Amino acid sequence: MDDAVKQFAGYVSEASGGAAAAGSTEDAVRWLKAAYLMQLANNVVYQTPSGFLTKDHSSGQDIKYLRDVFRDKSGTCIDLAITYAALAESVGLQANLMVVPGHTFAAIRLPGGDLLPVENTGLGGSNQRLNFEQAVEIGAKNFRKYLDEGLYYLVNVEEQWTVGRVPNPELQALNVDFLEKSGIKRLGGLQTHSD
């Protein structure tokens, strides 16, 4: 629950018209769409991972703190999926990470019980950006594919916190204008309804 996540979630709540995300499936989807659109509108984009080899010669990847994703306006698939999951958790939704060979994306449990997979790399770059509906469509397609193939880990984020596997980092408190200084803008009234 980094300060940057709380601030950004507040911006999203404002943009979604105050949708109570955990109240209903419709409100959850409206809020999650606003979170995705807020990242698009602020030019948060996918970046190729730097990667490195570990001592056992397998590949590794650096992971950013969420505040760094907002500051840099970029992240790898893992960074963007964790950011989206953290935003969902901040408003009471159950967040999951779908970890598959060479990729990760968020799958958020809606109040009705269904999972909403979102292809977070749909934030893309200037020429490969997906709208929310496209990101959900690709996320759902990939989710089904990997389930069918059995090549996945579905990580329940809250469960990982409670079993003590992921320590809470002690991060320096941020100024209330951190997002503003990082170039993140409030965008009231994002179009989150399908008209």
C-alpha atoms as a PDB file:
ATOM      1  CA  MET A   1       0.000   0.000   0.000  1.00  0.00           C
ATOM      2  CA  ASP A   2       2.543   2.517  -1.197  1.00  0.00           C
ATOM      3  CA  ASP A   3       1.543   6.177  -0.951  1.00  0.00           C
ATOM      4  CA  ALA A   4       1.774   6.469  -4.749  1.00  0.00           C
ATOM      5  CA  VAL A   5      -0.779   3.664  -5.188  1.00  0.00           C
ATOM      6  CA  LYS A   6      -3.183   5.302  -2.732  1.00  0.00           C
ATOM      7  CA  GLN A   7      -2.845   8.653  -4.524  1.00  0.00           C
ATOM      8  CA  PHE A   8      -3.312   7.131  -7.981  1.00  0.00           C
ATOM      9  CA  ALA A   9      -6.294   5.080  -6.753  1.00  0.00           C
ATOM     10  CA  GLY A  10      -7.849   8.303  -5.516  1.00  0.00           C
ATOM     11  CA  TYR A  11      -7.427   9.826  -8.967  1.00  0.00           C
ATOM     12  CA  VAL A  12      -9.055   6.726 -10.480  1.00  0.00           C
ATOM     13  CA  SER A  13     -11.988   6.862  -8.056  1.00  0.00           C
ATOM     14  CA  GLU A  14     -12.537  10.492  -8.976  1.00  0.00           C
ATOM     15  CA  ALA A  15     -12.365   9.702 -12.703  1.00  0.00           C
ATOM     16  CA  SER A  16     -14.763   6.755 -12.380  1.00  0.00           C
ATOM     17  CA  GLY A  17     -17.416   8.939 -10.785  1.00  0.00           C
ATOM     18  CA  GLY A  18     -16.847   7.542  -7.312  1.00  0.00           C
ATOM     19  CA  ALA A  19     -17.626   3.940  -8.281  1.00  0.00           C
ATOM     20  CA  ALA A  20     -17.557   1.689  -5.196  1.00  0.00           C
ATOM     21  CA  ALA A  21     -15.347  -0.904  -6.863  1.00  0.00           C
ATOM     22  CA  ALA A  22     -16.010  -3.718  -4.412  1.00  0.00           C
ATOM     23  CA  GLY A  23     -19.756  -3.046  -4.345  1.00  0.00           C
ATOM     24  CA  SER A  24     -20.848  -4.693  -7.592  1.00  0.00           C
ATOM     25  CA  THR A  25     -19.384  -6.271 -10.696  1.00  0.00           C
ATOM     26  CA  GLU A  26     -20.518  -3.290 -12.783  1.00  0.00           C
ATOM     27  CA  ASP A  27     -18.847  -0.790 -10.451  1.00  0.00           C
ATOM     28  CA  ALA A  28     -15.702  -2.927 -10.270  1.00  0.00           C
ATOM     29  CA  VAL A  29     -15.402  -3.071 -14.051  1.00  0.00           C
ATOM     30  CA  ARG A  30     -16.036   0.694 -14.298  1.00  0.00           C
ATOM     31  CA  TRP A  31     -13.287   1.334 -11.729  1.00  0.00           C
ATOM     32  CA  LEU A  32     -10.836  -1.111 -13.337  1.00  0.00           C
ATOM     33  CA  LYS A  33     -11.480   0.440 -16.736  1.00  0.00           C
ATOM     34  CA  ALA A  34     -10.821   3.897 -15.305  1.00  0.00           C
ATOM     35  CA  ALA A  35      -7.550   2.616 -13.763  1.00  0.00           C
ATOM     36  CA  TYR A  36      -6.425   1.301 -17.147  1.00  0.00           C
ATOM     37  CA  LEU A  37      -7.527   4.458 -18.984  1.00  0.00           C
ATOM     38  CA  MET A  38      -5.817   6.663 -16.388  1.00  0.00           C
ATOM     39  CA  GLN A  39      -2.541   4.875 -17.105  1.00  0.00           C
ATOM     40  CA  LEU A  40      -3.095   5.222 -20.876  1.00  0.00           C
ATOM     41  CA  ALA A  41      -3.920   8.916 -20.583  1.00  0.00           C
ATOM     42  CA  ASN A  42      -0.797   9.523 -18.497  1.00  0.00           C
ATOM     43  CA  ASN A  43       1.386   7.660 -21.011  1.00  0.00           C
ATOM     44  CA  VAL A  44       2.423   4.859 -18.675  1.00  0.00           C
ATOM     45  CA  VAL A  45       3.890   2.367 -21.159  1.00  0.00           C
ATOM     46  CA  TYR A  46       5.383  -1.087 -21.422  1.00  0.00           C
ATOM     47  CA  GLN A  47       9.172  -1.303 -21.485  1.00  0.00           C
ATOM     48  CA  THR A  48      11.281  -4.273 -22.500  1.00  0.00           C
ATOM     49  CA  PRO A  49      12.920  -5.913 -19.481  1.00  0.00           C
ATOM     50  CA  SER A  50      16.659  -5.508 -19.013  1.00  0.00           C
ATOM     51  CA  GLY A  51      17.142  -9.061 -17.774  1.00  0.00           C
ATOM     52  CA  PHE A  52      20.208 -10.725 -16.316  1.00  0.00           C
ATOM     53  CA  LEU A  53      21.555 -14.200 -15.656  1.00  0.00           C
ATOM     54  CA  THR A  54      21.426 -15.617 -12.148  1.00  0.00           C
ATOM     55  CA  LYS A  55      24.120 -17.752 -10.529  1.00  0.00           C
ATOM     56  CA  ASP A  56      22.369 -20.888 -11.765  1.00  0.00           C
ATOM     57  CA  HIS A  57      22.331 -19.428 -15.317  1.00  0.00           C
ATOM     58  CA  SER A  58      18.579 -18.886 -15.438  1.00  0.00           C
ATOM     59  CA  SER A  59      17.270 -15.507 -16.479  1.00  0.00           C
ATOM     60  CA  GLY A  60      16.162 -12.887 -13.984  1.00  0.00           C
ATOM     61  CA  GLN A  61      14.502  -9.520 -14.159  1.00  0.00           C
ATOM     62  CA  ASP A  62      14.567  -6.405 -12.004  1.00  0.00           C
ATOM     63  CA  ILE A  63      11.203  -5.388 -10.567  1.00  0.00           C
ATOM     64  CA  LYS A  64      10.369  -1.753  -9.865  1.00  0.00           C
ATOM     65  CA  TYR A  65       8.592  -0.359  -6.859  1.00  0.00           C
ATOM     66  CA  LEU A  66       5.194   0.954  -7.917  1.00  0.00           C
ATOM     67  CA  ARG A  67       6.207   4.540  -7.193  1.00  0.00           C
ATOM     68  CA  ASP A  68       9.001   4.061  -9.749  1.00  0.00           C
ATOM     69  CA  VAL A  69       6.524   2.826 -12.374  1.00  0.00           C
ATOM     70  CA  PHE A  70       4.541   6.047 -11.900  1.00  0.00           C
ATOM     71  CA  ARG A  71       7.666   8.222 -11.793  1.00  0.00           C
ATOM     72  CA  ASP A  72       9.197   6.598 -14.894  1.00  0.00           C
ATOM     73  CA  LYS A  73       5.819   6.172 -16.590  1.00  0.00           C
ATOM     74  CA  SER A  74       6.944   2.723 -17.688  1.00  0.00           C
ATOM     75  CA  GLY A  75       7.352  -0.853 -16.555  1.00  0.00           C
ATOM     76  CA  THR A  76       7.844  -4.409 -17.715  1.00  0.00           C
ATOM     77  CA  CYS A  77       4.927  -6.823 -17.927  1.00  0.00           C
ATOM     78  CA  ILE A  78       5.548  -7.802 -14.304  1.00  0.00           C
ATOM     79  CA  ASP A  79       5.776  -4.175 -13.157  1.00  0.00           C
ATOM     80  CA  LEU A  80       2.556  -3.201 -14.951  1.00  0.00           C
ATOM     81  CA  ALA A  81       0.669  -6.291 -13.730  1.00  0.00           C
ATOM     82  CA  ILE A  82       1.757  -5.696 -10.123  1.00  0.00           C
ATOM     83  CA  THR A  83       0.799  -2.018 -10.393  1.00  0.00           C
ATOM     84  CA  TYR A  84      -2.682  -2.878 -11.714  1.00  0.00           C
ATOM     85  CA  ALA A  85      -3.118  -5.585  -9.061  1.00  0.00           C
ATOM     86  CA  ALA A  86      -2.069  -3.168  -6.303  1.00  0.00           C
ATOM     87  CA  LEU A  87      -4.539  -0.568  -7.549  1.00  0.00           C
ATOM     88  CA  ALA A  88      -7.328  -3.174  -7.500  1.00  0.00           C
ATOM     89  CA  GLU A  89      -6.374  -4.290  -3.994  1.00  0.00           C
ATOM     90  CA  SER A  90      -6.397  -0.694  -2.787  1.00  0.00           C
ATOM     91  CA  VAL A  91     -10.166  -0.554  -3.387  1.00  0.00           C
ATOM     92  CA  GLY A  92     -11.008  -3.962  -1.935  1.00  0.00           C
ATOM     93  CA  LEU A  93     -10.815  -6.200  -5.001  1.00  0.00           C
ATOM     94  CA  GLN A  94      -8.946  -9.505  -4.930  1.00  0.00           C
ATOM     95  CA  ALA A  95      -5.909  -9.301  -7.172  1.00  0.00           C
ATOM     96  CA  ASN A  96      -4.195 -12.195  -8.883  1.00  0.00           C
ATOM     97  CA  LEU A  97      -1.158 -12.387 -11.120  1.00  0.00           C
ATOM     98  CA  MET A  98      -1.206 -14.869 -13.982  1.00  0.00           C
ATOM     99  CA  VAL A  99       2.414 -15.932 -14.381  1.00  0.00           C
ATOM    100  CA  VAL A 100       3.062 -17.834 -17.613  1.00  0.00           C
ATOM    101  CA  PRO A 101       6.243 -18.680 -19.541  1.00  0.00           C
ATOM    102  CA  GLY A 102       7.964 -15.338 -20.226  1.00  0.00           C
ATOM    103  CA  HIS A 103       4.997 -13.157 -19.235  1.00  0.00           C
ATOM    104  CA  THR A 104       2.743 -11.906 -16.416  1.00  0.00           C
ATOM    105  CA  PHE A 105      -0.629 -10.143 -16.437  1.00  0.00           C
ATOM    106  CA  ALA A 106      -3.256  -9.245 -13.834  1.00  0.00           C
ATOM    107  CA  ALA A 107      -6.492 -11.163 -13.267  1.00  0.00           C
ATOM    108  CA  ILE A 108      -8.846  -9.382 -10.875  1.00  0.00           C
ATOM    109  CA  ARG A 109     -11.644 -11.217  -9.067  1.00  0.00           C
ATOM    110  CA  LEU A 110     -14.883  -9.286  -9.508  1.00  0.00           C
ATOM    111  CA  PRO A 111     -17.513  -9.091  -6.725  1.00  0.00           C
ATOM    112  CA  GLY A 112     -19.659 -11.636  -8.629  1.00  0.00           C
ATOM    113  CA  GLY A 113     -16.795 -14.157  -8.480  1.00  0.00           C
ATOM    114  CA  ASP A 114     -15.545 -14.062 -12.072  1.00  0.00           C
ATOM    115  CA  LEU A 115     -11.946 -13.241 -12.933  1.00  0.00           C
ATOM    116  CA  LEU A 116     -11.229 -10.289 -15.223  1.00  0.00           C
ATOM    117  CA  PRO A 117      -7.843 -10.872 -16.913  1.00  0.00           C
ATOM    118  CA  VAL A 118      -6.260  -7.695 -18.306  1.00  0.00           C
ATOM    119  CA  GLU A 119      -3.292  -7.639 -20.693  1.00  0.00           C
ATOM    120  CA  ASN A 120      -1.363  -4.865 -18.994  1.00  0.00           C
ATOM    121  CA  THR A 121       1.226  -4.592 -21.778  1.00  0.00           C
ATOM    122  CA  GLY A 122      -1.674  -3.227 -23.823  1.00  0.00           C
ATOM    123  CA  LEU A 123      -0.526   0.103 -22.430  1.00  0.00           C
ATOM    124  CA  GLY A 124       2.167  -0.436 -25.056  1.00  0.00           C
ATOM    125  CA  GLY A 125       4.074   2.345 -26.694  1.00  0.00           C
ATOM    126  CA  SER A 126       2.954   5.011 -29.116  1.00  0.00           C
ATOM    127  CA  ASN A 127       1.924   2.652 -31.918  1.00  0.00           C
ATOM    128  CA  GLN A 128       0.686  -0.431 -30.068  1.00  0.00           C
ATOM    129  CA  ARG A 129      -1.733   0.776 -27.412  1.00  0.00           C
ATOM    130  CA  LEU A 130      -4.905  -1.174 -26.695  1.00  0.00           C
ATOM    131  CA  ASN A 131      -8.129   0.228 -25.322  1.00  0.00           C
ATOM    132  CA  PHE A 132      -9.544  -1.409 -22.197  1.00  0.00           C
ATOM    133  CA  GLU A 133     -11.901  -3.725 -24.045  1.00  0.00           C
ATOM    134  CA  GLN A 134      -9.060  -4.984 -26.261  1.00  0.00           C
ATOM    135  CA  ALA A 135      -6.790  -5.492 -23.235  1.00  0.00           C
ATOM    136  CA  VAL A 136      -9.532  -7.543 -21.531  1.00  0.00           C
ATOM    137  CA  GLU A 137     -10.232  -9.537 -24.709  1.00  0.00           C
ATOM    138  CA  ILE A 138      -6.551 -10.454 -25.143  1.00  0.00           C
ATOM    139  CA  GLY A 139      -6.183 -11.092 -21.409  1.00  0.00           C
ATOM    140  CA  ALA A 140      -9.161 -13.483 -21.447  1.00  0.00           C
ATOM    141  CA  LYS A 141      -7.874 -15.268 -24.560  1.00  0.00           C
ATOM    142  CA  ASN A 142      -4.406 -15.741 -23.045  1.00  0.00           C
ATOM    143  CA  PHE A 143      -5.883 -16.753 -19.685  1.00  0.00           C
ATOM    144  CA  ARG A 144      -7.936 -19.552 -21.319  1.00  0.00           C
ATOM    145  CA  LYS A 145      -4.961 -20.631 -23.451  1.00  0.00           C
ATOM    146  CA  TYR A 146      -2.606 -21.031 -20.518  1.00  0.00           C
ATOM    147  CA  LEU A 147      -5.264 -22.712 -18.372  1.00  0.00           C
ATOM    148  CA  ASP A 148      -5.855 -25.238 -21.173  1.00  0.00           C
ATOM    149  CA  GLU A 149      -2.119 -25.825 -21.577  1.00  0.00           C
ATOM    150  CA  GLY A 150      -1.560 -26.036 -17.817  1.00  0.00           C
ATOM    151  CA  LEU A 151       1.432 -23.698 -18.075  1.00  0.00           C
ATOM    152  CA  TYR A 152       0.706 -21.105 -15.414  1.00  0.00           C
ATOM    153  CA  TYR A 153       0.821 -20.002 -11.803  1.00  0.00           C
ATOM    154  CA  LEU A 154      -2.207 -18.046 -10.640  1.00  0.00           C
ATOM    155  CA  VAL A 155      -0.823 -16.047  -7.730  1.00  0.00           C
ATOM    156  CA  ASN A 156      -3.367 -14.744  -5.228  1.00  0.00           C
ATOM    157  CA  VAL A 157      -1.608 -11.578  -4.061  1.00  0.00           C
ATOM    158  CA  GLU A 158      -3.400 -11.289  -0.710  1.00  0.00           C
ATOM    159  CA  GLU A 159      -2.665 -14.921   0.078  1.00  0.00           C
ATOM    160  CA  GLN A 160       1.032 -14.327  -0.564  1.00  0.00           C
ATOM    161  CA  TRP A 161       0.998 -11.427   1.883  1.00  0.00           C
ATOM    162  CA  THR A 162      -0.668 -13.542   4.582  1.00  0.00           C
ATOM    163  CA  VAL A 163       1.713 -16.501   4.279  1.00  0.00           C
ATOM    164  CA  GLY A 164       4.616 -14.124   4.790  1.00  0.00           C
ATOM    165  CA  ARG A 165       6.450 -14.841   1.556  1.00  0.00           C
ATOM    166  CA  VAL A 166       6.499 -11.239   0.409  1.00  0.00           C
ATOM    167  CA  PRO A 167       7.851  -8.800   2.992  1.00  0.00           C
ATOM    168  CA  ASN A 168       6.399  -5.316   3.083  1.00  0.00           C
ATOM    169  CA  PRO A 169       9.186  -2.974   2.021  1.00  0.00           C
ATOM    170  CA  GLU A 170       9.851  -0.039   4.276  1.00  0.00           C
ATOM    171  CA  LEU A 171       9.692   2.822   1.822  1.00  0.00           C
ATOM    172  CA  GLN A 172      10.228   6.491   2.514  1.00  0.00           C
ATOM    173  CA  ALA A 173       6.997   8.473   2.802  1.00  0.00           C
ATOM    174  CA  LEU A 174       6.150  10.479  -0.310  1.00  0.00           C
ATOM    175  CA  ASN A 175       5.100  14.094  -0.525  1.00  0.00           C
ATOM    176  CA  VAL A 176       1.445  14.619  -1.379  1.00  0.00           C
ATOM    177  CA  ASP A 177       2.501  16.121  -4.724  1.00  0.00           C
ATOM    178  CA  PHE A 178       4.600  13.080  -5.777  1.00  0.00           C
ATOM    179  CA  LEU A 179       2.320  12.074  -8.666  1.00  0.00           C
ATOM    180  CA  GLU A 180       1.995  15.669  -9.842  1.00  0.00           C
ATOM    181  CA  LYS A 181       5.776  16.101  -9.820  1.00  0.00           C
ATOM    182  CA  SER A 182       6.050  12.806 -11.730  1.00  0.00           C
ATOM    183  CA  GLY A 183       3.787  14.230 -14.437  1.00  0.00           C
ATOM    184  CA  ILE A 184       0.734  12.149 -13.515  1.00  0.00           C
ATOM    185  CA  LYS A 185      -2.420  14.164 -14.105  1.00  0.00           C
ATOM    186  CA  ARG A 186      -5.877  13.906 -12.589  1.00  0.00           C
ATOM    187  CA  LEU A 187      -8.383  13.161 -15.303  1.00  0.00           C
ATOM    188  CA  GLY A 188     -11.881  13.630 -13.968  1.00  0.00           C
ATOM    189  CA  GLY A 189     -14.775  12.063 -15.850  1.00  0.00           C
ATOM    190  CA  LEU A 190     -12.985   9.489 -18.015  1.00  0.00           C
ATOM    191  CA  GLN A 191     -15.432   7.800 -20.360  1.00  0.00           C
ATOM    192  CA  THR A 192     -15.894   4.472 -18.561  1.00  0.00           C
ATOM    193  CA  HIS A 193     -19.400   3.619 -19.741  1.00  0.00           C
ATOM    194  CA  SER A 194     -20.088   1.868 -23.037  1.00  0.00           C
ATOM    195  CA  ASP A 195     -22.353   4.286 -24.899  1.00  0.00           C
END
